[in-house]
Protein backbone atom coordinates (compact mmCIF):
# COMPACT_ATOMS: atom_id res chain seq x y z
CA MET A 1 81.61 58.04 74.10
CA ARG A 2 80.35 54.57 74.95
CA PRO A 3 81.05 52.99 78.34
CA GLY A 4 82.59 50.08 76.51
CA SER A 5 85.14 52.38 74.79
CA ILE A 6 86.07 53.97 78.03
CA ILE A 7 86.84 50.55 79.55
CA TYR A 8 88.85 49.66 76.49
CA PHE A 9 90.88 52.83 76.71
CA PHE A 10 91.78 52.19 80.35
CA ARG A 11 92.48 48.54 79.67
CA GLU A 12 94.88 49.47 76.87
CA ALA A 13 96.69 52.10 79.00
CA GLY A 14 97.14 49.59 81.75
CA LYS A 15 98.54 46.99 79.24
CA SER A 16 100.90 49.65 77.90
CA LEU A 17 102.17 50.44 81.38
CA LYS A 18 102.93 46.83 82.09
CA ARG A 19 104.74 46.28 78.78
CA ASN A 20 106.84 49.36 78.94
CA ARG A 21 107.91 49.62 82.62
CA LEU A 22 111.29 51.05 81.88
CA LEU A 23 109.94 53.87 79.65
CA SER A 24 107.09 54.37 82.08
CA PHE A 25 109.73 54.79 84.92
CA ALA A 26 111.70 57.20 82.74
CA THR A 27 108.55 59.32 82.15
CA ILE A 28 107.63 59.51 85.70
CA THR A 29 111.20 60.43 86.72
CA THR A 30 111.39 63.16 84.00
CA VAL A 31 108.03 64.69 85.11
CA ALA A 32 109.12 64.52 88.74
CA VAL A 33 112.30 66.32 88.04
CA CYS A 34 110.55 68.94 85.92
CA ILE A 35 107.74 69.61 88.42
CA LEU A 36 110.30 69.64 91.29
CA ILE A 37 112.36 72.30 89.47
CA LEU A 38 109.24 74.15 88.54
CA GLY A 39 107.94 74.02 92.09
CA PHE A 40 111.17 75.39 93.57
CA GLY A 41 111.08 78.19 91.07
CA VAL A 42 107.52 79.15 91.76
CA LEU A 43 108.07 79.07 95.54
CA PHE A 44 111.15 81.22 94.99
CA THR A 45 109.10 83.69 92.88
CA ILE A 46 106.27 83.81 95.42
CA ASN A 47 108.57 84.47 98.33
CA ALA A 48 110.61 87.06 96.38
CA SER A 49 107.35 88.76 95.46
CA ASN A 50 106.13 88.64 99.11
CA PHE A 51 109.50 90.18 100.36
CA MET A 52 109.11 92.90 97.69
CA ASN A 53 105.48 93.60 98.83
CA HIS A 54 106.72 94.00 102.41
CA LEU A 55 109.40 96.47 101.30
CA GLU A 56 106.83 98.46 99.23
CA SER A 57 104.41 98.41 102.25
CA ASP A 58 106.95 99.84 104.48
CA VAL A 59 107.13 103.08 102.46
CA GLN A 60 105.73 105.89 104.47
CA ILE A 61 105.47 109.54 104.22
CA ARG A 62 106.87 111.72 107.07
CA ALA A 63 105.20 115.05 107.24
CA PHE A 64 107.11 117.69 109.27
CA LEU A 65 104.96 120.37 110.81
CA GLU A 66 106.00 124.02 111.39
CA GLN A 67 106.99 124.81 114.98
CA ASP A 68 104.48 127.53 115.83
CA LEU A 69 101.23 125.59 115.24
CA THR A 70 98.51 125.34 117.86
CA ALA A 71 97.04 122.05 118.98
CA SER A 72 93.86 122.70 116.99
CA GLN A 73 95.96 123.50 113.87
CA ILE A 74 97.85 120.26 114.32
CA SER A 75 94.53 118.35 114.57
CA ASP A 76 93.12 120.03 111.63
CA ILE A 77 96.23 119.01 109.45
CA GLY A 78 95.87 115.42 110.69
CA ARG A 79 92.17 115.45 109.59
CA LYS A 80 92.87 116.85 106.22
CA ILE A 81 95.66 114.18 105.66
CA GLU A 82 93.19 111.46 106.53
CA ALA A 83 90.67 112.78 104.08
CA ILE A 84 93.02 112.48 101.18
CA PRO A 85 91.87 109.65 98.97
CA GLY A 86 94.66 106.79 99.08
CA VAL A 87 95.82 107.45 102.58
CA GLY A 88 95.63 104.27 104.64
CA SER A 89 96.70 105.37 108.13
CA ASN A 90 97.94 108.43 109.82
CA LYS A 91 99.91 108.48 113.11
CA PHE A 92 100.90 111.63 114.96
CA ILE A 93 104.25 111.79 116.72
CA SER A 94 104.87 114.81 119.03
CA ARG A 95 108.27 116.38 119.32
CA ASP A 96 108.71 114.91 122.73
CA GLU A 97 108.05 111.36 121.47
CA ALA A 98 110.48 111.92 118.62
CA LEU A 99 113.18 113.09 121.02
CA GLN A 100 112.62 110.13 123.30
CA GLN A 101 112.92 107.87 120.22
CA MET A 102 116.06 109.67 119.22
CA GLN A 103 117.51 109.23 122.80
CA LYS A 104 116.63 105.43 122.68
CA ASP A 105 118.24 104.97 119.18
CA PHE A 106 121.25 107.02 119.38
CA GLY A 107 121.88 108.19 123.01
CA ARG A 108 123.71 106.32 125.76
CA ARG A 109 121.87 105.58 128.95
CA GLU A 110 124.04 107.97 131.08
CA TYR A 111 123.71 110.59 128.48
CA ASP A 112 120.57 112.85 128.52
CA LEU A 113 119.97 114.25 125.13
CA LYS A 114 117.08 116.49 126.28
CA GLU A 115 119.26 118.17 128.87
CA THR A 116 122.18 118.60 126.51
CA LEU A 117 119.95 120.14 123.74
CA GLY A 118 117.94 122.36 126.11
CA LYS A 119 115.13 123.16 123.77
CA ASN A 120 113.71 120.40 121.70
CA PRO A 121 114.46 121.20 118.09
CA LEU A 122 112.42 118.40 116.58
CA PRO A 123 109.13 119.20 114.93
CA HIS A 124 105.80 117.46 115.36
CA THR A 125 105.33 114.87 112.58
CA TYR A 126 102.63 112.76 110.99
CA MET A 127 103.66 109.26 109.78
CA VAL A 128 101.38 108.52 106.84
CA LYS A 129 100.93 105.05 105.26
CA VAL A 130 99.40 104.84 101.84
CA LYS A 131 97.04 102.05 100.46
CA ASN A 132 99.03 101.90 97.19
CA PRO A 133 102.66 102.48 97.68
CA ARG A 134 103.19 103.45 94.10
CA GLU A 135 101.05 106.60 94.74
CA VAL A 136 103.44 107.74 97.41
CA SER A 137 105.02 110.58 95.41
CA GLN A 138 101.63 112.17 94.40
CA LEU A 139 100.19 111.84 97.92
CA ALA A 140 103.48 113.37 99.28
CA ALA A 141 103.11 116.38 97.03
CA LYS A 142 99.45 116.94 98.20
CA ILE A 143 100.49 116.81 101.87
CA LYS A 144 103.40 119.13 101.33
CA SER A 145 101.11 121.68 99.77
CA MET A 146 99.03 121.95 103.02
CA PRO A 147 99.44 125.03 105.15
CA GLY A 148 101.52 124.23 108.25
CA VAL A 149 103.44 121.43 106.55
CA TYR A 150 106.93 122.74 105.78
CA LYS A 151 108.64 119.45 104.55
CA VAL A 152 107.78 115.88 103.66
CA ASN A 153 110.16 112.86 103.33
CA TYR A 154 109.41 109.51 101.85
CA GLY A 155 112.88 108.57 100.74
CA GLN A 156 112.64 110.33 97.38
CA GLY A 157 114.83 108.75 94.74
CA THR A 158 115.31 105.60 96.63
CA VAL A 159 111.62 104.68 96.60
CA GLU A 160 111.43 105.14 92.75
CA LYS A 161 114.45 102.88 92.40
CA LEU A 162 112.89 100.34 94.69
CA PHE A 163 109.63 100.19 92.58
CA LYS A 164 111.73 99.88 89.42
CA VAL A 165 113.62 96.93 90.95
CA THR A 166 110.52 95.16 92.27
CA ARG A 167 108.79 95.56 88.90
CA TRP A 168 111.76 93.94 86.95
CA MET A 169 111.96 91.24 89.50
CA ARG A 170 108.43 90.29 89.02
CA ILE A 171 108.86 90.36 85.16
CA ILE A 172 111.98 88.22 85.55
CA GLY A 173 110.19 85.74 87.87
CA ILE A 174 107.33 85.40 85.31
CA ILE A 175 109.80 84.83 82.35
CA PHE A 176 111.63 82.24 84.57
CA ILE A 177 108.52 80.21 85.20
CA VAL A 178 107.47 80.35 81.55
CA LEU A 179 110.95 79.05 80.53
CA LEU A 180 110.73 76.34 83.08
CA LEU A 181 107.25 75.34 81.66
CA VAL A 182 108.56 75.30 78.06
CA GLY A 183 111.60 73.22 79.15
CA ALA A 184 109.38 70.77 81.07
CA VAL A 185 107.13 70.27 77.96
CA PHE A 186 110.17 69.63 75.81
CA LEU A 187 111.58 67.11 78.11
CA ILE A 188 108.36 65.26 78.76
CA ALA A 189 107.53 65.28 75.14
CA THR A 190 110.82 63.81 74.24
CA THR A 191 110.48 61.13 76.85
CA ILE A 192 106.90 60.14 75.82
CA ARG A 193 108.04 60.08 72.20
CA LEU A 194 110.40 57.33 72.97
CA ALA A 195 107.60 55.29 74.60
CA ILE A 196 105.33 55.97 71.56
CA PHE A 197 108.20 55.12 69.13
CA ALA A 198 108.41 51.63 70.66
CA ARG A 199 104.66 51.15 69.63
CA ARG A 200 104.77 52.86 66.24
CA LYS A 201 103.86 49.48 64.50
CA GLU A 202 100.84 49.07 66.72
CA ILE A 203 99.70 52.58 65.82
CA TYR A 204 100.34 52.04 62.16
CA LEU A 205 98.33 48.63 62.16
CA MET A 206 95.38 50.50 64.03
CA LYS A 207 95.41 53.24 61.33
CA LEU A 208 95.31 50.54 58.59
CA ILE A 209 92.18 48.76 59.96
CA GLY A 210 90.36 52.10 60.13
CA SER A 211 90.79 53.30 63.75
CA THR A 212 90.22 57.07 64.08
CA ASP A 213 92.97 59.45 65.46
CA TRP A 214 91.04 59.97 68.63
CA PHE A 215 90.38 56.21 69.21
CA ILE A 216 94.14 55.76 69.09
CA ARG A 217 94.88 58.94 71.14
CA TRP A 218 92.79 58.23 74.25
CA PRO A 219 94.79 55.27 75.67
CA PHE A 220 97.99 57.30 75.21
CA PHE A 221 96.50 60.40 76.74
CA LEU A 222 95.24 58.31 79.83
CA GLU A 223 98.72 56.74 80.13
CA GLY A 224 100.36 60.19 79.86
CA ILE A 225 98.01 61.76 82.49
CA LEU A 226 98.63 58.85 84.93
CA LEU A 227 102.42 58.83 84.51
CA SER A 228 102.63 62.67 84.64
CA SER A 229 100.36 62.79 87.75
CA LEU A 230 102.49 60.13 89.59
CA GLY A 231 105.73 62.09 88.81
CA ALA A 232 104.02 65.26 89.93
CA LEU A 233 102.84 63.59 93.23
CA ILE A 234 106.42 62.41 93.86
CA SER A 235 107.85 65.87 93.27
CA ILE A 236 105.21 67.57 95.44
CA GLY A 237 106.00 65.08 98.37
CA ILE A 238 109.74 66.07 98.11
CA LEU A 239 108.86 69.67 97.77
CA ALA A 240 106.65 69.57 100.76
CA MET A 241 109.33 68.00 102.89
CA ALA A 242 112.10 70.29 101.74
CA TYR A 243 110.12 73.45 102.05
CA GLY A 244 108.57 72.52 105.40
CA SER A 245 112.11 71.82 106.75
CA LEU A 246 113.42 75.11 105.14
CA ILE A 247 110.62 77.15 106.82
CA SER A 248 111.48 75.80 110.35
CA LYS A 249 115.21 76.25 109.92
CA ILE A 250 115.14 79.68 108.47
CA ASP A 251 112.51 80.92 111.06
CA ASN A 252 114.68 79.72 113.85
CA LEU A 253 118.11 80.67 112.49
CA PHE A 254 117.72 83.70 110.35
CA PHE A 255 114.30 85.25 111.32
CA ILE A 256 113.42 85.51 107.59
CA GLN A 257 109.61 85.34 106.97
CA LEU A 258 108.80 82.86 104.23
CA VAL A 259 105.36 82.35 102.84
CA SER A 260 103.91 79.53 105.13
CA ASP A 261 100.10 80.13 104.71
CA ALA A 262 98.56 76.61 104.52
CA GLY A 263 95.99 77.66 101.91
CA THR A 264 98.55 79.22 99.58
CA ILE A 265 100.87 76.27 99.82
CA ARG A 266 98.05 73.82 99.33
CA ASN A 267 96.76 75.69 96.27
CA LEU A 268 100.32 75.77 94.87
CA TYR A 269 100.64 71.97 95.35
CA LEU A 270 97.26 71.39 93.58
CA VAL A 271 98.35 73.63 90.67
CA LEU A 272 101.61 71.65 90.38
CA LEU A 273 99.56 68.47 90.26
CA GLY A 274 97.24 69.90 87.58
CA THR A 275 100.33 71.20 85.77
CA GLY A 276 101.98 67.78 85.73
CA ALA A 277 98.79 66.09 84.29
CA GLY A 278 98.44 68.98 81.84
CA LEU A 279 102.14 68.57 80.68
CA GLY A 280 101.47 64.89 80.13
CA VAL A 281 98.55 65.66 77.82
CA VAL A 282 100.61 68.29 75.95
CA GLY A 283 103.69 66.03 75.71
CA THR A 284 101.50 63.15 74.41
CA TRP A 285 99.77 65.34 71.92
CA ILE A 286 103.02 66.74 70.56
CA SER A 287 104.62 63.31 70.38
CA LEU A 288 101.72 61.37 69.02
CA ASN A 289 100.66 63.47 66.18
CA ARG A 290 103.84 62.57 64.21
CA PHE A 291 103.00 58.87 64.29
CA LEU A 292 99.33 59.30 63.31
CA LYS A 293 100.31 60.71 59.85
CA VAL A 294 100.17 57.47 57.95
């Protein structure tokens, strides 16, 4: 492509923006609204996924040991558990520690649970965290089969339901984002089509004098990219202020942990900016092809 053609394309795009200010404003507004809705949808999906990851990571296996084990046997079981592939961490909790925790959780200060019970009935336990929460049932079965372990508990039944819910939540989130993208393309293409319709005679005359389709397309593409990028920048600015305010208020009032990593948020805004520009190109392509068939 010659430098002179590039200058011509930018000049024609600039002229079009000046001549069609109202339609340009409508396009920017449409893109801003679409990207804003998409941005909130993506942020909601990211935070929902982060919350579900936290729920899954909290899944642990509690291995209860038999009462008559010696200290060496208890240590040997711990080493065997840590040697199982997929085990992330393994913490030993003695029966005395378990009783103290029970006293703290359920007993009153003036009520001595240990004195009331006499003999501590609680077993030694190992709290096992797994690397992949979805392997918890298989790892629990391996731990339960070890000599000296009489019972394991990881929330059987509830954990499987949790994984099913989180899987469907992720699928629904992806479908939601795809539907938002399709809706954004439709709205932007409709708005750009109005702008192109106002210049249909100009396109018709350019075709008659022998202009190629790509020679006609480029100014419109540049115009669509510029308008869509401006709309995306406006929506990103609104989104950044709203989400920043939401993070501070929720952290202060409700103690809910939202995704606030600067790198993640910055990458999201860059993706939204690129999506806005891409939607402008797609919308222009869809709208322009109809008028090029002369």
